[in-house]
Amino acid sequence: MKFFLNCLTSLGFLSFLLLATPGHAQGVSAFPQRVELSPENRIATVTLFNRGTERSTYRISFINYRQGHDGKMEAIDTPPEGEGFADGMIRFSPRQVILPPGEPQTVRLMLRTPPDLADGEYRSHLMLQSIPPSQPIEDDPDPEELSVSLNIVYGFSIPIFVQVGELSIAGRIEPAGFDAQGQPIIRIYNEGSRHLRADLVVLSRTSEVTRINGLAVYLSTGYLDFPIDLSSLAPELKNTPLTLELRMLDDGPVLSQTQISVP
């Protein structure tokens, strides 16, 4: 008897905080990295591009995630408190794409909101899953032989937001201890009425030490605990105050500021 095992590997856009780069999987990239729709902006497109050398096929669908306080994404069926799903309001096409090498493909999105939709932010993720090529059937297989066919299905997802009404962006940061490697953990609070996407910048008295761009804290998450790798911190900066700033993207306004000291 022959058994076939199919394994699904789902790569979130990152992710939690790789919203700073376009989604990608197995040589296929997508842009933009996130989509925001509203009653005033009902139509959007996502462009897929095959950077590989072989033709690939992707199936497109919606999936819903909850973001944990550590940034990990978990698939869910029920909307988390304070945030609704967007998939029921969005139509998209096509639902399957074939991507020849070096050629783009556009996925079209259109928002249709019910008339009584409450103000707030709604979120779902557009999931793109690769369809593996068909496996040839072995001639005259041995009925007593046990074999396993392993098909890896790669994928990635893009967050899609529907924003209704006047929504605010606000965030706050504070130290939250150290991780097992002795690196500082910063707690990032989302105190607005929509998702927070911002940059975290570490400064000494004279210069920028490091930065992490495009951190995302979803509305229902509340806060995110993010470890900062300062293992290569210059010796003269240890045990001295370092300033952390939570900034709007692209060196925008400072939302919050705090200080840490690394022993």
Protein backbone atom coordinates (compact mmCIF):
# COMPACT_ATOMS: atom_id res chain seq x y z
CA MET A 1 0.00 0.00 0.00
CA LYS A 2 1.29 3.48 -0.79
CA PHE A 3 0.68 6.44 1.45
CA PHE A 4 1.01 10.09 0.45
CA LEU A 5 1.80 12.81 2.95
CA ASN A 6 1.12 16.45 2.13
CA CYS A 7 2.65 19.06 4.36
CA LEU A 8 1.61 22.69 4.38
CA THR A 9 4.14 25.32 5.30
CA SER A 10 2.50 28.72 5.70
CA LEU A 11 4.83 31.72 5.84
CA GLY A 12 3.03 34.77 7.40
CA PHE A 13 3.93 38.51 5.77
CA LEU A 14 5.24 38.85 8.14
CA SER A 15 4.66 38.83 9.41
CA PHE A 16 4.54 40.33 12.55
CA LEU A 17 7.05 42.89 11.94
CA LEU A 18 8.44 42.12 8.42
CA LEU A 19 5.58 44.51 7.18
CA ALA A 20 8.55 46.46 6.23
CA THR A 21 9.27 44.30 3.13
CA PRO A 22 7.04 42.89 0.37
CA GLY A 23 5.75 39.36 0.90
CA HIS A 24 7.67 36.58 -0.81
CA ALA A 25 7.90 32.83 -1.08
CA GLN A 26 10.04 30.59 -3.28
CA GLY A 27 11.06 33.39 -5.64
CA VAL A 28 7.62 35.05 -5.83
CA SER A 29 7.23 38.55 -4.40
CA ALA A 30 4.15 40.68 -3.80
CA PHE A 31 3.65 44.40 -3.52
CA PRO A 32 2.36 46.37 -1.67
CA GLN A 33 3.16 44.84 1.71
CA ARG A 34 -0.27 45.73 3.07
CA VAL A 35 -3.53 47.13 1.71
CA GLU A 36 -5.81 49.69 3.33
CA LEU A 37 -9.37 50.06 2.04
CA SER A 38 -12.18 52.36 3.13
CA PRO A 39 -15.60 53.50 1.89
CA GLU A 40 -13.72 56.34 0.17
CA ASN A 41 -11.04 54.05 -1.27
CA ARG A 42 -12.75 50.85 -2.37
CA ILE A 43 -10.41 49.46 -5.03
CA ALA A 44 -6.81 48.24 -4.75
CA THR A 45 -4.42 45.90 -6.55
CA VAL A 46 -1.64 43.57 -5.43
CA THR A 47 1.09 42.78 -7.95
CA LEU A 48 2.77 39.37 -7.90
CA PHE A 49 6.12 38.85 -9.60
CA ASN A 50 7.97 35.61 -10.25
CA ARG A 51 11.68 36.21 -9.66
CA GLY A 52 12.49 32.54 -10.18
CA THR A 53 13.33 30.51 -13.25
CA GLU A 54 10.34 28.15 -13.26
CA ARG A 55 6.64 28.70 -13.74
CA SER A 56 4.64 28.68 -10.51
CA THR A 57 0.95 28.48 -9.69
CA TYR A 58 -0.67 30.11 -6.65
CA ARG A 59 -4.12 29.72 -5.15
CA ILE A 60 -5.52 32.88 -3.53
CA SER A 61 -7.90 32.96 -0.57
CA PHE A 62 -8.52 34.75 2.71
CA ILE A 63 -7.32 33.67 6.14
CA ASN A 64 -7.82 35.30 9.55
CA TYR A 65 -5.07 35.63 12.14
CA ARG A 66 -4.67 36.69 15.73
CA GLN A 67 -1.37 38.34 16.65
CA GLY A 68 0.11 37.26 19.97
CA HIS A 69 2.02 39.53 22.32
CA ASP A 70 5.21 37.91 21.00
CA GLY A 71 4.25 38.76 17.41
CA LYS A 72 3.45 35.20 16.36
CA MET A 73 0.38 34.75 14.17
CA GLU A 74 -2.31 32.14 14.88
CA ALA A 75 -5.12 31.26 12.48
CA ILE A 76 -8.57 31.79 14.02
CA ASP A 77 -12.24 31.45 13.08
CA THR A 78 -13.79 33.97 15.50
CA PRO A 79 -12.90 37.68 15.42
CA PRO A 80 -10.83 38.82 18.43
CA GLU A 81 -12.30 41.36 20.80
CA GLY A 82 -12.17 44.89 19.44
CA GLU A 83 -11.48 43.91 15.83
CA GLY A 84 -13.60 42.39 13.06
CA PHE A 85 -12.85 40.34 9.97
CA ALA A 86 -12.69 42.05 6.58
CA ASP A 87 -12.94 39.04 4.25
CA GLY A 88 -16.75 39.12 3.97
CA MET A 89 -16.63 42.65 2.56
CA ILE A 90 -13.94 42.15 -0.08
CA ARG A 91 -14.21 40.60 -3.51
CA PHE A 92 -11.06 39.66 -5.37
CA SER A 93 -9.97 38.12 -8.64
CA PRO A 94 -8.44 36.00 -9.93
CA ARG A 95 -8.52 33.21 -7.35
CA GLN A 96 -5.67 31.33 -8.98
CA VAL A 97 -2.68 32.66 -10.92
CA ILE A 98 -0.01 31.13 -13.11
CA LEU A 99 3.24 33.08 -12.93
CA PRO A 100 5.78 32.58 -15.73
CA PRO A 101 9.35 33.58 -14.82
CA GLY A 102 9.97 37.32 -14.94
CA GLU A 103 6.34 38.30 -15.47
CA PRO A 104 3.92 40.18 -13.17
CA GLN A 105 0.32 39.31 -12.35
CA THR A 106 -2.24 41.64 -10.79
CA VAL A 107 -4.80 40.64 -8.16
CA ARG A 108 -7.74 43.06 -7.97
CA LEU A 109 -9.55 43.84 -4.72
CA MET A 110 -12.90 45.60 -4.35
CA LEU A 111 -14.60 46.62 -1.10
CA ARG A 112 -18.36 46.38 -0.59
CA THR A 113 -19.43 47.54 2.86
CA PRO A 114 -22.92 47.01 4.31
CA PRO A 115 -24.81 50.27 4.98
CA ASP A 116 -24.96 49.69 8.75
CA LEU A 117 -21.26 48.89 9.23
CA ALA A 118 -19.96 50.28 12.53
CA ASP A 119 -16.93 52.55 12.62
CA GLY A 120 -13.66 50.76 13.30
CA GLU A 121 -10.91 48.74 11.68
CA TYR A 122 -11.51 45.31 10.15
CA ARG A 123 -8.69 42.95 9.13
CA SER A 124 -8.14 39.75 7.15
CA HIS A 125 -5.09 38.39 5.33
CA LEU A 126 -4.89 37.57 1.65
CA MET A 127 -3.24 34.15 1.55
CA LEU A 128 -1.27 32.99 -1.49
CA GLN A 129 -0.43 29.28 -1.47
CA SER A 130 1.70 27.59 -4.09
CA ILE A 131 0.22 24.62 -5.93
CA PRO A 132 2.95 21.98 -6.39
CA PRO A 133 3.31 20.40 -9.84
CA SER A 134 1.62 17.07 -10.34
CA GLN A 135 3.72 14.08 -9.39
CA PRO A 136 4.11 11.31 -12.02
CA ILE A 137 2.45 8.01 -11.13
CA GLU A 138 4.89 5.17 -10.70
CA ASP A 139 4.26 2.19 -13.01
CA ASP A 140 3.41 -1.10 -11.32
CA PRO A 141 4.05 -0.08 -7.72
CA ASP A 142 4.83 -2.82 -5.25
CA PRO A 143 1.60 -3.32 -3.23
CA GLU A 144 3.67 -4.31 -0.18
CA GLU A 145 5.93 -1.28 -0.38
CA LEU A 146 5.42 1.61 2.00
CA SER A 147 6.51 4.94 0.59
CA VAL A 148 5.91 8.58 1.39
CA SER A 149 5.48 11.40 -1.11
CA LEU A 150 6.25 14.73 0.54
CA ASN A 151 4.83 17.84 -1.16
CA ILE A 152 5.84 21.12 0.45
CA VAL A 153 3.28 23.88 -0.12
CA TYR A 154 4.77 27.34 0.31
CA GLY A 155 2.76 30.45 0.93
CA PHE A 156 2.62 33.93 2.35
CA SER A 157 -0.06 36.38 3.36
CA ILE A 158 -0.70 40.11 3.08
CA PRO A 159 -2.78 42.00 5.67
CA ILE A 160 -5.85 43.73 4.27
CA PHE A 161 -7.41 46.46 6.41
CA VAL A 162 -10.85 48.03 6.06
CA GLN A 163 -11.07 51.33 7.92
CA VAL A 164 -14.42 52.98 8.57
CA GLY A 165 -14.82 56.37 10.22
CA GLU A 166 -12.26 58.67 11.81
CA LEU A 167 -9.61 56.42 13.37
CA SER A 168 -6.63 57.50 15.43
CA ILE A 169 -2.98 56.37 15.56
CA ALA A 170 -1.31 56.37 18.96
CA GLY A 171 1.46 54.31 20.55
CA ARG A 172 3.56 54.12 23.68
CA ILE A 173 6.74 52.25 24.62
CA GLU A 174 8.27 51.21 27.94
CA PRO A 175 11.03 48.81 29.08
CA ALA A 176 9.80 45.29 29.88
CA GLY A 177 12.89 43.57 31.25
CA PHE A 178 15.42 41.37 29.47
CA ASP A 179 15.21 38.11 27.53
CA ALA A 180 17.17 34.91 28.21
CA GLN A 181 20.14 36.28 26.25
CA GLY A 182 20.21 39.47 28.27
CA GLN A 183 18.81 41.64 25.50
CA PRO A 184 16.31 44.37 26.44
CA ILE A 185 12.62 43.83 25.74
CA ILE A 186 10.53 46.83 24.77
CA ARG A 187 6.77 46.78 25.22
CA ILE A 188 4.98 48.60 22.41
CA TYR A 189 1.39 49.60 23.18
CA ASN A 190 -1.18 50.32 20.51
CA GLU A 191 -3.34 53.03 22.07
CA GLY A 192 -5.14 54.14 18.92
CA SER A 193 -8.29 52.94 17.18
CA ARG A 194 -6.50 51.27 14.23
CA HIS A 195 -3.37 49.17 13.74
CA LEU A 196 -0.05 50.74 14.67
CA ARG A 197 2.87 50.57 12.26
CA ALA A 198 5.98 52.45 13.30
CA ASP A 199 9.76 52.46 13.56
CA LEU A 200 11.72 51.85 16.76
CA VAL A 201 14.96 53.86 16.96
CA VAL A 202 17.74 53.48 19.57
CA LEU A 203 19.89 56.56 20.17
CA SER A 204 23.00 57.31 22.19
CA ARG A 205 23.88 60.84 23.23
CA THR A 206 25.65 61.44 19.93
CA SER A 207 24.32 59.07 17.27
CA GLU A 208 21.79 56.46 16.17
CA VAL A 209 22.70 53.01 17.51
CA THR A 210 20.19 50.88 15.60
CA ARG A 211 16.63 50.90 14.32
CA ILE A 212 13.87 48.45 13.48
CA ASN A 213 11.55 49.65 10.74
CA GLY A 214 7.93 48.74 10.15
CA LEU A 215 6.93 47.18 13.47
CA ALA A 216 3.23 46.34 13.51
CA VAL A 217 0.89 46.02 16.47
CA TYR A 218 -2.62 45.04 15.47
CA LEU A 219 -5.63 46.60 17.12
CA SER A 220 -6.77 43.56 19.10
CA THR A 221 -3.22 42.70 20.23
CA GLY A 222 -3.01 45.67 22.59
CA TYR A 223 0.75 45.46 23.06
CA LEU A 224 3.78 43.71 21.63
CA ASP A 225 6.91 42.63 23.53
CA PHE A 226 9.85 43.10 21.19
CA PRO A 227 13.46 42.12 22.05
CA ILE A 228 16.16 44.42 20.68
CA ASP A 229 19.49 42.83 19.76
CA LEU A 230 22.17 45.08 21.26
CA SER A 231 24.80 42.33 21.57
CA SER A 232 27.18 44.34 19.38
CA LEU A 233 26.75 47.50 21.44
CA ALA A 234 30.03 49.42 21.76
CA PRO A 235 31.65 48.93 25.19
CA GLU A 236 31.56 52.68 25.92
CA LEU A 237 27.77 52.67 25.53
CA LYS A 238 27.12 49.95 28.09
CA ASN A 239 25.72 51.02 31.45
CA THR A 240 24.88 54.40 29.95
CA PRO A 241 21.39 55.72 29.19
CA LEU A 242 20.11 54.97 25.69
CA THR A 243 17.04 56.73 24.33
CA LEU A 244 14.36 54.76 22.47
CA GLU A 245 11.91 56.52 20.20
CA LEU A 246 8.76 55.12 18.63
CA ARG A 247 8.38 57.06 15.39
CA MET A 248 5.85 57.16 12.63
CA LEU A 249 7.22 55.55 9.46
CA ASP A 250 9.98 57.23 7.45
CA ASP A 251 11.27 59.37 10.32
CA GLY A 252 7.84 60.81 11.03
CA PRO A 253 6.72 62.34 14.34
CA VAL A 254 7.80 60.73 17.61
CA LEU A 255 4.88 58.91 19.24
CA SER A 256 6.64 57.90 22.44
CA GLN A 257 10.05 57.93 24.11
CA THR A 258 11.76 56.02 26.91
CA GLN A 259 15.25 55.19 28.20
CA ILE A 260 17.11 51.95 28.88
CA SER A 261 20.56 50.96 30.08
CA VAL A 262 22.29 47.77 28.93
CA PRO A 263 24.69 46.21 31.47
